[in-house]
Amino acid sequence: MSEREGYNGFRNFATWQVSVWLDNSEELLWRFQQIGVSLENSDDLSEWLEAYFEALNPVEGSGDLYSDLMQNMLSQVDWERLAERILDRD
């Protein structure tokens, strides 16, 4: 198994977890697809997704264990893979 397919077909648990949440929210997925279409390419959508989820981090800057754990998890997400999956959907 390659590094890219380390957890249920994803690079890691963090990427898989975000993907599961997106797959279970048709409205959010549709919204991200529309944003992806308006951007230049999957790299731009990848950067946008990362910024979006980091901005929603409810414990950002709190300087405690939970902030560190959340930041660590977000830093492991393969945003490029998620952007490609979003744009490849019909």
Protein backbone atom coordinates (compact mmCIF):
# COMPACT_ATOMS: atom_id res chain seq x y z
CA MET A 1 0.00 0.00 0.00
CA SER A 2 1.37 3.41 -0.92
CA GLU A 3 1.63 6.34 1.48
CA ARG A 4 -1.28 7.94 -0.38
CA GLU A 5 -3.50 4.97 0.48
CA GLY A 6 -2.59 4.50 4.14
CA TYR A 7 -6.08 4.74 5.67
CA ASN A 8 -9.22 3.52 3.87
CA GLY A 9 -7.76 4.68 0.55
CA PHE A 10 -6.50 7.99 1.91
CA ARG A 11 -3.08 9.13 3.04
CA ASN A 12 -4.08 9.17 6.70
CA PHE A 13 -6.94 9.26 9.18
CA ALA A 14 -7.22 13.07 9.12
CA THR A 15 -7.79 13.16 5.36
CA TRP A 16 -10.25 10.28 5.51
CA GLN A 17 -12.17 11.95 8.36
CA VAL A 18 -12.64 15.23 6.46
CA SER A 19 -13.68 13.26 3.37
CA VAL A 20 -16.32 11.35 5.36
CA TRP A 21 -17.79 14.59 6.66
CA LEU A 22 -17.86 16.07 3.16
CA ASP A 23 -19.46 12.93 1.72
CA ASN A 24 -22.20 13.18 4.34
CA SER A 25 -23.00 16.82 3.62
CA GLU A 26 -24.39 17.23 0.11
CA GLU A 27 -24.90 20.95 0.66
CA LEU A 28 -21.31 21.58 1.77
CA LEU A 29 -19.90 19.36 -0.98
CA TRP A 30 -21.98 21.17 -3.60
CA ARG A 31 -20.79 24.53 -2.26
CA PHE A 32 -17.15 23.44 -2.43
CA GLN A 33 -17.68 22.14 -5.97
CA GLN A 34 -19.03 25.54 -7.02
CA ILE A 35 -16.06 27.30 -5.43
CA GLY A 36 -13.71 24.83 -7.12
CA VAL A 37 -15.21 25.54 -10.53
CA SER A 38 -14.72 29.28 -10.01
CA LEU A 39 -11.05 28.84 -9.10
CA GLU A 40 -8.22 28.17 -11.54
CA ASN A 41 -7.41 24.56 -10.59
CA SER A 42 -7.33 21.94 -7.84
CA ASP A 43 -4.26 23.58 -6.27
CA ASP A 44 -6.25 26.76 -5.71
CA LEU A 45 -9.16 24.80 -4.26
CA SER A 46 -6.73 22.91 -2.03
CA GLU A 47 -5.39 26.16 -0.59
CA TRP A 48 -8.91 27.52 -0.20
CA LEU A 49 -10.08 24.39 1.66
CA GLU A 50 -7.14 24.48 4.04
CA ALA A 51 -7.73 28.15 4.84
CA TYR A 52 -11.48 27.54 5.25
CA PHE A 53 -11.09 24.72 7.75
CA GLU A 54 -8.29 26.44 9.65
CA ALA A 55 -10.45 29.56 9.98
CA LEU A 56 -13.25 27.46 11.50
CA ASN A 57 -10.97 25.91 14.13
CA PRO A 58 -12.84 26.70 17.36
CA VAL A 59 -9.77 26.28 19.57
CA GLU A 60 -7.23 28.16 17.43
CA GLY A 61 -4.92 30.27 19.52
CA SER A 62 -6.14 28.98 22.87
CA GLY A 63 -2.66 27.67 23.66
CA ASP A 64 -3.83 24.45 25.24
CA LEU A 65 -3.72 20.73 24.51
CA TYR A 66 -6.87 20.84 22.39
CA SER A 67 -5.50 23.61 20.21
CA ASP A 68 -2.31 21.63 19.64
CA LEU A 69 -4.22 18.46 18.83
CA MET A 70 -6.55 20.21 16.40
CA GLN A 71 -3.71 22.03 14.65
CA ASN A 72 -1.78 18.77 14.35
CA MET A 73 -4.77 17.00 12.82
CA LEU A 74 -5.45 19.82 10.35
CA SER A 75 -1.80 19.88 9.30
CA GLN A 76 -2.00 16.20 8.33
CA VAL A 77 -4.94 16.56 5.96
CA ASP A 78 -4.07 15.99 2.30
CA TRP A 79 -5.97 19.02 1.02
CA GLU A 80 -4.80 18.38 -2.56
CA ARG A 81 -6.39 14.92 -2.56
CA LEU A 82 -9.65 16.29 -1.20
CA ALA A 83 -9.71 19.08 -3.78
CA GLU A 84 -9.16 16.56 -6.58
CA ARG A 85 -11.99 14.36 -5.24
CA ILE A 86 -14.35 17.33 -5.02
CA LEU A 87 -13.63 18.45 -8.58
CA ASP A 88 -13.87 14.91 -9.98
CA ARG A 89 -17.42 14.44 -8.74
CA ASP A 90 -20.32 14.94 -11.11
